[in-house]
PDB file of N, CA and C in Angstrom:
ATOM      1  N   MET A   1    -169.591-101.597 146.208  1.00  0.00           N
ATOM      2  CA  MET A   1    -168.950-101.207 144.964  1.00  0.00           C
ATOM      3  C   MET A   1    -167.688-100.709 145.186  1.00  0.00           C
ATOM      4  N   HIS A   2    -167.343-100.071 146.286  1.00  0.00           N
ATOM      5  CA  HIS A   2    -166.001 -99.507 146.576  1.00  0.00           C
ATOM      6  C   HIS A   2    -165.029-100.625 146.511  1.00  0.00           C
ATOM      7  N   GLN A   3    -165.299-101.738 147.026  1.00  0.00           N
ATOM      8  CA  GLN A   3    -164.375-103.025 147.032  1.00  0.00           C
ATOM      9  C   GLN A   3    -164.055-103.391 145.682  1.00  0.00           C
ATOM     10  N   LEU A   4    -165.135-103.528 144.853  1.00  0.00           N
ATOM     11  CA  LEU A   4    -164.874-103.878 143.422  1.00  0.00           C
ATOM     12  C   LEU A   4    -163.956-102.824 142.678  1.00  0.00           C
ATOM     13  N   THR A   5    -164.117-101.620 143.013  1.00  0.00           N
ATOM     14  CA  THR A   5    -163.326-100.614 142.365  1.00  0.00           C
ATOM     15  C   THR A   5    -161.844-100.710 142.745  1.00  0.00           C
ATOM     16  N   TYR A   6    -161.701-100.911 144.171  1.00  0.00           N
ATOM     17  CA  TYR A   6    -160.370-101.081 144.596  1.00  0.00           C
ATOM     18  C   TYR A   6    -159.691-102.291 144.005  1.00  0.00           C
ATOM     19  N   VAL A   7    -160.316-103.334 144.004  1.00  0.00           N
ATOM     20  CA  VAL A   7    -159.747-104.695 143.472  1.00  0.00           C
ATOM     21  C   VAL A   7    -159.372-104.506 142.015  1.00  0.00           C
ATOM     22  N   THR A   8    -160.368-103.782 141.229  1.00  0.00           N
ATOM     23  CA  THR A   8    -159.973-103.580 139.808  1.00  0.00           C
ATOM     24  C   THR A   8    -158.688-102.577 139.595  1.00  0.00           C
ATOM     25  N   GLN A   9    -158.723-101.573 140.483  1.00  0.00           N
ATOM     26  CA  GLN A   9    -157.567-100.712 140.413  1.00  0.00           C
ATOM     27  C   GLN A   9    -156.143-101.434 140.757  1.00  0.00           C
ATOM     28  N   GLN A  10    -156.248-102.316 141.778  1.00  0.00           N
ATOM     29  CA  GLN A  10    -155.133-103.131 142.149  1.00  0.00           C
ATOM     30  C   GLN A  10    -154.681-104.016 140.920  1.00  0.00           C
ATOM     31  N   ALA A  11    -155.701-104.601 140.371  1.00  0.00           N
ATOM     32  CA  ALA A  11    -155.390-105.509 139.178  1.00  0.00           C
ATOM     33  C   ALA A  11    -154.616-104.791 137.942  1.00  0.00           C
ATOM     34  N   LEU A  12    -155.276-103.641 137.693  1.00  0.00           N
ATOM     35  CA  LEU A  12    -154.673-102.796 136.662  1.00  0.00           C
ATOM     36  C   LEU A  12    -153.026-102.395 137.035  1.00  0.00           C
ATOM     37  N   ILE A  13    -152.973-102.032 138.236  1.00  0.00           N
ATOM     38  CA  ILE A  13    -151.601-101.651 138.685  1.00  0.00           C
ATOM     39  C   ILE A  13    -150.606-102.818 138.691  1.00  0.00           C
ATOM     40  N   LEU A  14    -151.189-104.068 138.989  1.00  0.00           N
ATOM     41  CA  LEU A  14    -150.370-105.339 139.013  1.00  0.00           C
ATOM     42  C   LEU A  14    -150.014-105.588 137.469  1.00  0.00           C
ATOM     43  N   VAL A  15    -151.005-105.458 136.627  1.00  0.00           N
ATOM     44  CA  VAL A  15    -150.642-105.664 135.175  1.00  0.00           C
ATOM     45  C   VAL A  15    -149.553-104.735 134.657  1.00  0.00           C
ATOM     46  N   LEU A  16    -149.565-103.553 135.132  1.00  0.00           N
ATOM     47  CA  LEU A  16    -148.480-102.594 134.735  1.00  0.00           C
ATOM     48  C   LEU A  16    -147.072-102.820 135.359  1.00  0.00           C
ATOM     49  N   VAL A  17    -147.174-103.400 136.513  1.00  0.00           N
ATOM     50  CA  VAL A  17    -145.888-103.662 137.340  1.00  0.00           C
ATOM     51  C   VAL A  17    -145.438-104.961 136.678  1.00  0.00           C
ATOM     52  N   ALA A  18    -146.134-105.975 136.451  1.00  0.00           N
ATOM     53  CA  ALA A  18    -145.686-107.229 136.015  1.00  0.00           C
ATOM     54  C   ALA A  18    -145.089-107.205 134.570  1.00  0.00           C
ATOM     55  N   SER A  19    -145.868-106.310 133.855  1.00  0.00           N
ATOM     56  CA  SER A  19    -145.457-106.188 132.378  1.00  0.00           C
ATOM     57  C   SER A  19    -144.322-105.166 132.131  1.00  0.00           C
ATOM     58  N   GLY A  20    -144.088-104.393 133.172  1.00  0.00           N
ATOM     59  CA  GLY A  20    -143.021-103.365 133.062  1.00  0.00           C
ATOM     60  C   GLY A  20    -141.595-103.807 132.653  1.00  0.00           C
ATOM     61  N   PRO A  21    -141.019-104.732 133.497  1.00  0.00           N
ATOM     62  CA  PRO A  21    -139.740-105.137 133.103  1.00  0.00           C
ATOM     63  C   PRO A  21    -139.412-105.528 131.606  1.00  0.00           C
ATOM     64  N   PRO A  22    -140.245-106.613 131.109  1.00  0.00           N
ATOM     65  CA  PRO A  22    -140.030-107.064 129.715  1.00  0.00           C
ATOM     66  C   PRO A  22    -140.253-105.976 128.787  1.00  0.00           C
ATOM     67  N   ILE A  23    -141.144-105.019 128.923  1.00  0.00           N
ATOM     68  CA  ILE A  23    -141.499-103.996 128.020  1.00  0.00           C
ATOM     69  C   ILE A  23    -140.292-102.957 128.000  1.00  0.00           C
ATOM     70  N   VAL A  24    -139.850-102.563 129.160  1.00  0.00           N
ATOM     71  CA  VAL A  24    -138.802-101.588 129.212  1.00  0.00           C
ATOM     72  C   VAL A  24    -137.462-102.129 128.621  1.00  0.00           C
ATOM     73  N   MET A  25    -137.196-103.405 128.821  1.00  0.00           N
ATOM     74  CA  MET A  25    -135.996-103.980 128.192  1.00  0.00           C
ATOM     75  C   MET A  25    -136.082-104.092 126.690  1.00  0.00           C
ATOM     76  N   SER A  26    -137.310-104.421 126.248  1.00  0.00           N
ATOM     77  CA  SER A  26    -137.582-104.472 124.897  1.00  0.00           C
ATOM     78  C   SER A  26    -137.461-102.954 124.266  1.00  0.00           C
ATOM     79  N   LEU A  27    -137.931-101.985 124.842  1.00  0.00           N
ATOM     80  CA  LEU A  27    -137.791-100.700 124.350  1.00  0.00           C
ATOM     81  C   LEU A  27    -136.252-100.333 124.304  1.00  0.00           C
ATOM     82  N   ILE A  28    -135.417-100.549 125.331  1.00  0.00           N
ATOM     83  CA  ILE A  28    -134.113-100.346 125.387  1.00  0.00           C
ATOM     84  C   ILE A  28    -133.387-100.898 124.289  1.00  0.00           C
ATOM     85  N   VAL A  29    -133.563-102.241 124.009  1.00  0.00           N
ATOM     86  CA  VAL A  29    -132.920-103.116 123.038  1.00  0.00           C
ATOM     87  C   VAL A  29    -133.297-102.533 121.615  1.00  0.00           C
ATOM     88  N   GLY A  30    -134.530-102.233 121.531  1.00  0.00           N
ATOM     89  CA  GLY A  30    -135.147-101.643 120.240  1.00  0.00           C
ATOM     90  C   GLY A  30    -134.354-100.412 119.858  1.00  0.00           C
ATOM     91  N   PHE A  31    -134.281 -99.523 120.869  1.00  0.00           N
ATOM     92  CA  PHE A  31    -133.599 -98.260 120.611  1.00  0.00           C
ATOM     93  C   PHE A  31    -132.178 -98.400 120.161  1.00  0.00           C
ATOM     94  N   ILE A  32    -131.377 -99.289 120.961  1.00  0.00           N
ATOM     95  CA  ILE A  32    -130.044 -99.538 120.598  1.00  0.00           C
ATOM     96  C   ILE A  32    -129.881-100.092 119.260  1.00  0.00           C
ATOM     97  N   ILE A  33    -130.807-100.903 118.801  1.00  0.00           N
ATOM     98  CA  ILE A  33    -130.643-101.564 117.444  1.00  0.00           C
ATOM     99  C   ILE A  33    -131.092-100.526 116.411  1.00  0.00           C
ATOM    100  N   SER A  34    -132.056 -99.643 116.693  1.00  0.00           N
ATOM    101  CA  SER A  34    -132.340 -98.600 115.751  1.00  0.00           C
ATOM    102  C   SER A  34    -131.279 -97.688 115.562  1.00  0.00           C
ATOM    103  N   VAL A  35    -130.583 -97.300 116.617  1.00  0.00           N
ATOM    104  CA  VAL A  35    -129.325 -96.516 116.488  1.00  0.00           C
ATOM    105  C   VAL A  35    -128.403 -97.096 115.638  1.00  0.00           C
ATOM    106  N   PHE A  36    -128.112 -98.484 115.933  1.00  0.00           N
ATOM    107  CA  PHE A  36    -127.187 -99.230 115.138  1.00  0.00           C
ATOM    108  C   PHE A  36    -127.559 -99.307 113.675  1.00  0.00           C
ATOM    109  N   GLN A  37    -128.808 -99.447 113.475  1.00  0.00           N
ATOM    110  CA  GLN A  37    -129.238 -99.545 112.033  1.00  0.00           C
ATOM    111  C   GLN A  37    -129.149 -98.113 111.365  1.00  0.00           C
ATOM    112  N   ALA A  38    -129.406 -97.061 112.036  1.00  0.00           N
ATOM    113  CA  ALA A  38    -129.261 -95.727 111.441  1.00  0.00           C
ATOM    114  C   ALA A  38    -127.730 -95.317 111.087  1.00  0.00           C
ATOM    115  N   ALA A  39    -126.915 -95.940 112.154  1.00  0.00           N
ATOM    116  CA  ALA A  39    -125.449 -95.605 111.879  1.00  0.00           C
ATOM    117  C   ALA A  39    -124.796 -96.465 110.833  1.00  0.00           C
ATOM    118  N   THR A  40    -125.315 -97.623 110.569  1.00  0.00           N
ATOM    119  CA  THR A  40    -124.656 -98.463 109.559  1.00  0.00           C
ATOM    120  C   THR A  40    -125.569 -98.437 108.242  1.00  0.00           C
ATOM    121  N   GLN A  41    -126.676 -97.917 108.292  1.00  0.00           N
ATOM    122  CA  GLN A  41    -127.584 -97.845 107.046  1.00  0.00           C
ATOM    123  C   GLN A  41    -128.041 -99.262 106.639  1.00  0.00           C
ATOM    124  N   ILE A  42    -128.218-100.166 107.653  1.00  0.00           N
ATOM    125  CA  ILE A  42    -128.704-101.532 107.446  1.00  0.00           C
ATOM    126  C   ILE A  42    -130.156-101.309 107.752  1.00  0.00           C
ATOM    127  N   GLN A  43    -130.974-101.568 106.864  1.00  0.00           N
ATOM    128  CA  GLN A  43    -132.514-101.434 106.983  1.00  0.00           C
ATOM    129  C   GLN A  43    -133.227-102.761 106.965  1.00  0.00           C
ATOM    130  N   GLU A  44    -132.697-103.803 107.738  1.00  0.00           N
ATOM    131  CA  GLU A  44    -133.189-105.149 107.681  1.00  0.00           C
ATOM    132  C   GLU A  44    -134.324-105.110 108.747  1.00  0.00           C
ATOM    133  N   GLN A  45    -135.590-105.414 108.490  1.00  0.00           N
ATOM    134  CA  GLN A  45    -136.715-105.335 109.417  1.00  0.00           C
ATOM    135  C   GLN A  45    -136.591-106.389 110.525  1.00  0.00           C
ATOM    136  N   THR A  46    -136.035-107.601 110.080  1.00  0.00           N
ATOM    137  CA  THR A  46    -135.915-108.719 111.031  1.00  0.00           C
ATOM    138  C   THR A  46    -134.711-108.578 111.991  1.00  0.00           C
ATOM    139  N   LEU A  47    -133.922-107.722 111.859  1.00  0.00           N
ATOM    140  CA  LEU A  47    -132.670-107.516 112.613  1.00  0.00           C
ATOM    141  C   LEU A  47    -133.021-107.247 114.153  1.00  0.00           C
ATOM    142  N   SER A  48    -134.162-106.449 114.286  1.00  0.00           N
ATOM    143  CA  SER A  48    -134.567-106.062 115.586  1.00  0.00           C
ATOM    144  C   SER A  48    -135.383-107.125 116.394  1.00  0.00           C
ATOM    145  N   PHE A  49    -136.049-108.003 115.648  1.00  0.00           N
ATOM    146  CA  PHE A  49    -136.787-108.983 116.160  1.00  0.00           C
ATOM    147  C   PHE A  49    -136.194-109.958 117.021  1.00  0.00           C
ATOM    148  N   ALA A  50    -135.095-110.635 116.599  1.00  0.00           N
ATOM    149  CA  ALA A  50    -134.443-111.697 117.385  1.00  0.00           C
ATOM    150  C   ALA A  50    -133.899-111.193 118.617  1.00  0.00           C
ATOM    151  N   PRO A  51    -133.093-110.080 118.607  1.00  0.00           N
ATOM    152  CA  PRO A  51    -132.525-109.678 120.020  1.00  0.00           C
ATOM    153  C   PRO A  51    -133.580-109.313 120.921  1.00  0.00           C
ATOM    154  N   LYS A  52    -134.659-108.639 120.432  1.00  0.00           N
ATOM    155  CA  LYS A  52    -135.674-108.337 121.388  1.00  0.00           C
ATOM    156  C   LYS A  52    -136.417-109.516 121.883  1.00  0.00           C
ATOM    157  N   LEU A  53    -136.577-110.599 121.031  1.00  0.00           N
ATOM    158  CA  LEU A  53    -137.243-111.706 121.543  1.00  0.00           C
ATOM    159  C   LEU A  53    -136.432-112.547 122.672  1.00  0.00           C
ATOM    160  N   VAL A  54    -135.079-112.528 122.355  1.00  0.00           N
ATOM    161  CA  VAL A  54    -134.238-113.130 123.301  1.00  0.00           C
ATOM    162  C   VAL A  54    -134.065-112.400 124.612  1.00  0.00           C
ATOM    163  N   VAL A  55    -134.129-111.044 124.622  1.00  0.00           N
ATOM    164  CA  VAL A  55    -134.169-110.155 125.725  1.00  0.00           C
ATOM    165  C   VAL A  55    -135.394-110.309 126.565  1.00  0.00           C
ATOM    166  N   VAL A  56    -136.517-110.350 125.936  1.00  0.00           N
ATOM    167  CA  VAL A  56    -137.726-110.395 126.642  1.00  0.00           C
ATOM    168  C   VAL A  56    -137.900-111.763 127.248  1.00  0.00           C
ATOM    169  N   PHE A  57    -137.389-112.842 126.709  1.00  0.00           N
ATOM    170  CA  PHE A  57    -137.676-114.269 127.330  1.00  0.00           C
ATOM    171  C   PHE A  57    -136.572-114.229 128.401  1.00  0.00           C
ATOM    172  N   GLY A  58    -135.389-113.579 128.233  1.00  0.00           N
ATOM    173  CA  GLY A  58    -134.459-113.500 129.420  1.00  0.00           C
ATOM    174  C   GLY A  58    -134.859-112.867 130.578  1.00  0.00           C
ATOM    175  N   VAL A  59    -135.506-111.733 130.325  1.00  0.00           N
ATOM    176  CA  VAL A  59    -136.219-110.941 131.559  1.00  0.00           C
ATOM    177  C   VAL A  59    -137.196-111.732 132.121  1.00  0.00           C
ATOM    178  N   LEU A  60    -138.202-112.360 131.284  1.00  0.00           N
ATOM    179  CA  LEU A  60    -139.193-113.185 131.948  1.00  0.00           C
ATOM    180  C   LEU A  60    -138.562-114.335 132.732  1.00  0.00           C
ATOM    181  N   GLY A  61    -137.561-114.880 132.227  1.00  0.00           N
ATOM    182  CA  GLY A  61    -136.834-115.976 132.912  1.00  0.00           C
ATOM    183  C   GLY A  61    -136.284-115.455 134.317  1.00  0.00           C
ATOM    184  N   LEU A  62    -135.726-114.385 134.346  1.00  0.00           N
ATOM    185  CA  LEU A  62    -135.161-113.703 135.509  1.00  0.00           C
ATOM    186  C   LEU A  62    -136.194-113.262 136.528  1.00  0.00           C
ATOM    187  N   ALA A  63    -137.122-112.512 135.981  1.00  0.00           N
ATOM    188  CA  ALA A  63    -138.241-111.903 136.837  1.00  0.00           C
ATOM    189  C   ALA A  63    -139.378-112.771 136.918  1.00  0.00           C
ATOM    190  N   GLY A  64    -139.434-113.996 136.383  1.00  0.00           N
ATOM    191  CA  GLY A  64    -140.532-114.924 136.588  1.00  0.00           C
ATOM    192  C   GLY A  64    -140.995-115.197 137.870  1.00  0.00           C
ATOM    193  N   PRO A  65    -140.029-115.720 138.699  1.00  0.00           N
ATOM    194  CA  PRO A  65    -140.382-115.867 140.090  1.00  0.00           C
ATOM    195  C   PRO A  65    -141.077-114.758 140.861  1.00  0.00           C
ATOM    196  N   TRP A  66    -140.537-113.514 140.587  1.00  0.00           N
ATOM    197  CA  TRP A  66    -140.949-112.265 141.200  1.00  0.00           C
ATOM    198  C   TRP A  66    -142.431-112.040 140.846  1.00  0.00           C
ATOM    199  N   ILE A  67    -142.618-112.087 139.415  1.00  0.00           N
ATOM    200  CA  ILE A  67    -143.851-111.878 138.809  1.00  0.00           C
ATOM    201  C   ILE A  67    -144.962-112.910 139.321  1.00  0.00           C
ATOM    202  N   GLY A  68    -144.498-114.097 139.385  1.00  0.00           N
ATOM    203  CA  GLY A  68    -145.251-115.208 139.897  1.00  0.00           C
ATOM    204  C   GLY A  68    -145.741-114.988 141.335  1.00  0.00           C
ATOM    205  N   SER A  69    -144.789-114.532 142.208  1.00  0.00           N
ATOM    206  CA  SER A  69    -145.052-114.241 143.600  1.00  0.00           C
ATOM    207  C   SER A  69    -146.100-113.162 143.693  1.00  0.00           C
ATOM    208  N   GLN A  70    -146.004-112.049 142.852  1.00  0.00           N
ATOM    209  CA  GLN A  70    -146.929-110.952 142.803  1.00  0.00           C
ATOM    210  C   GLN A  70    -148.300-111.318 142.581  1.00  0.00           C
ATOM    211  N   LEU A  71    -148.340-112.179 141.372  1.00  0.00           N
ATOM    212  CA  LEU A  71    -149.707-112.667 141.035  1.00  0.00           C
ATOM    213  C   LEU A  71    -150.308-113.599 142.166  1.00  0.00           C
ATOM    214  N   LEU A  72    -149.516-114.403 142.649  1.00  0.00           N
ATOM    215  CA  LEU A  72    -150.062-115.325 143.685  1.00  0.00           C
ATOM    216  C   LEU A  72    -150.457-114.530 144.911  1.00  0.00           C
ATOM    217  N   ARG A  73    -149.711-113.494 145.460  1.00  0.00           N
ATOM    218  CA  ARG A  73    -150.178-112.568 146.505  1.00  0.00           C
ATOM    219  C   ARG A  73    -151.480-111.962 146.164  1.00  0.00           C
ATOM    220  N   PHE A  74    -151.701-111.384 144.909  1.00  0.00           N
ATOM    221  CA  PHE A  74    -152.894-110.802 144.538  1.00  0.00           C
ATOM    222  C   PHE A  74    -154.010-111.811 144.526  1.00  0.00           C
ATOM    223  N   THR A  75    -153.874-113.009 143.991  1.00  0.00           N
ATOM    224  CA  THR A  75    -154.843-113.970 144.081  1.00  0.00           C
ATOM    225  C   THR A  75    -155.315-114.345 145.341  1.00  0.00           C
ATOM    226  N   PHE A  76    -154.394-114.541 146.306  1.00  0.00           N
ATOM    227  CA  PHE A  76    -154.665-114.846 147.700  1.00  0.00           C
ATOM    228  C   PHE A  76    -155.543-113.592 148.380  1.00  0.00           C
ATOM    229  N   ASN A  77    -155.144-112.421 147.970  1.00  0.00           N
ATOM    230  CA  ASN A  77    -155.782-111.270 148.418  1.00  0.00           C
ATOM    231  C   ASN A  77    -157.182-111.215 147.910  1.00  0.00           C
ATOM    232  N   ILE A  78    -157.353-111.565 146.646  1.00  0.00           N
ATOM    233  CA  ILE A  78    -158.819-111.587 146.073  1.00  0.00           C
ATOM    234  C   ILE A  78    -159.565-112.655 146.872  1.00  0.00           C
ATOM    235  N   PHE A  79    -158.987-113.748 147.014  1.00  0.00           N
ATOM    236  CA  PHE A  79    -159.913-114.924 147.645  1.00  0.00           C
ATOM    237  C   PHE A  79    -160.148-114.555 149.145  1.00  0.00           C
ATOM    238  N   ASP A  80    -159.245-113.793 149.756  1.00  0.00           N
ATOM    239  CA  ASP A  80    -159.605-113.370 151.123  1.00  0.00           C
ATOM    240  C   ASP A  80    -160.730-112.237 151.125  1.00  0.00           C
ATOM    241  N   ARG A  81    -160.761-111.363 150.195  1.00  0.00           N
ATOM    242  CA  ARG A  81    -161.756-110.399 149.972  1.00  0.00           C
ATOM    243  C   ARG A  81    -163.027-110.862 149.350  1.00  0.00           C
ATOM    244  N   PHE A  82    -163.187-112.080 148.848  1.00  0.00           N
ATOM    245  CA  PHE A  82    -164.357-112.453 148.002  1.00  0.00           C
ATOM    246  C   PHE A  82    -165.609-112.387 148.847  1.00  0.00           C
ATOM    247  N   PRO A  83    -165.620-112.804 150.085  1.00  0.00           N
ATOM    248  CA  PRO A  83    -167.040-112.735 150.855  1.00  0.00           C
ATOM    249  C   PRO A  83    -167.457-111.322 150.862  1.00  0.00           C
ATOM    250  N   ALA A  84    -166.510-110.320 151.131  1.00  0.00           N
ATOM    251  CA  ALA A  84    -166.924-108.894 151.221  1.00  0.00           C
ATOM    252  C   ALA A  84    -167.417-108.471 149.884  1.00  0.00           C
ATOM    253  N   LEU A  85    -166.890-108.827 148.710  1.00  0.00           N
ATOM    254  CA  LEU A  85    -167.255-108.472 147.489  1.00  0.00           C
ATOM    255  C   LEU A  85    -168.662-108.955 147.108  1.00  0.00           C
ATOM    256  N   ILE A  86    -168.938-110.163 147.629  1.00  0.00           N
ATOM    257  CA  ILE A  86    -170.352-110.657 147.236  1.00  0.00           C
ATOM    258  C   ILE A  86    -171.459-109.929 148.124  1.00  0.00           C
ATOM    259  N   GLN A  87    -171.093-109.632 149.390  1.00  0.00           N
ATOM    260  CA  GLN A  87    -172.242-109.011 150.230  1.00  0.00           C
ATOM    261  C   GLN A  87    -172.516-107.533 149.770  1.00  0.00           C
ATOM    262  N   HIS A  88    -171.579-107.001 149.198  1.00  0.00           N
ATOM    263  CA  HIS A  88    -171.875-105.531 148.782  1.00  0.00           C
ATOM    264  C   HIS A  88    -172.420-105.505 147.457  1.00  0.00           C
TER     265      HIS A  88
END
């Protein structure tokens, strides 16, 4: 049971680490656009969508190999631990 708890904890941490860069960049871009909209009194709802979309895809493109390697490392770790998970 301890192994399963550990694997679940590691999976949740991996989700946080892998999704962190796109989410943080989206928050930063959203904040900058919100300040711009407040300063110029432009209240267009779609103005923040396109730049955030571009930034998130850009970050995923740049961080994709790193995220993929982290997921692959975790997958190999799970397959290595699989016999121990079944026995307990």
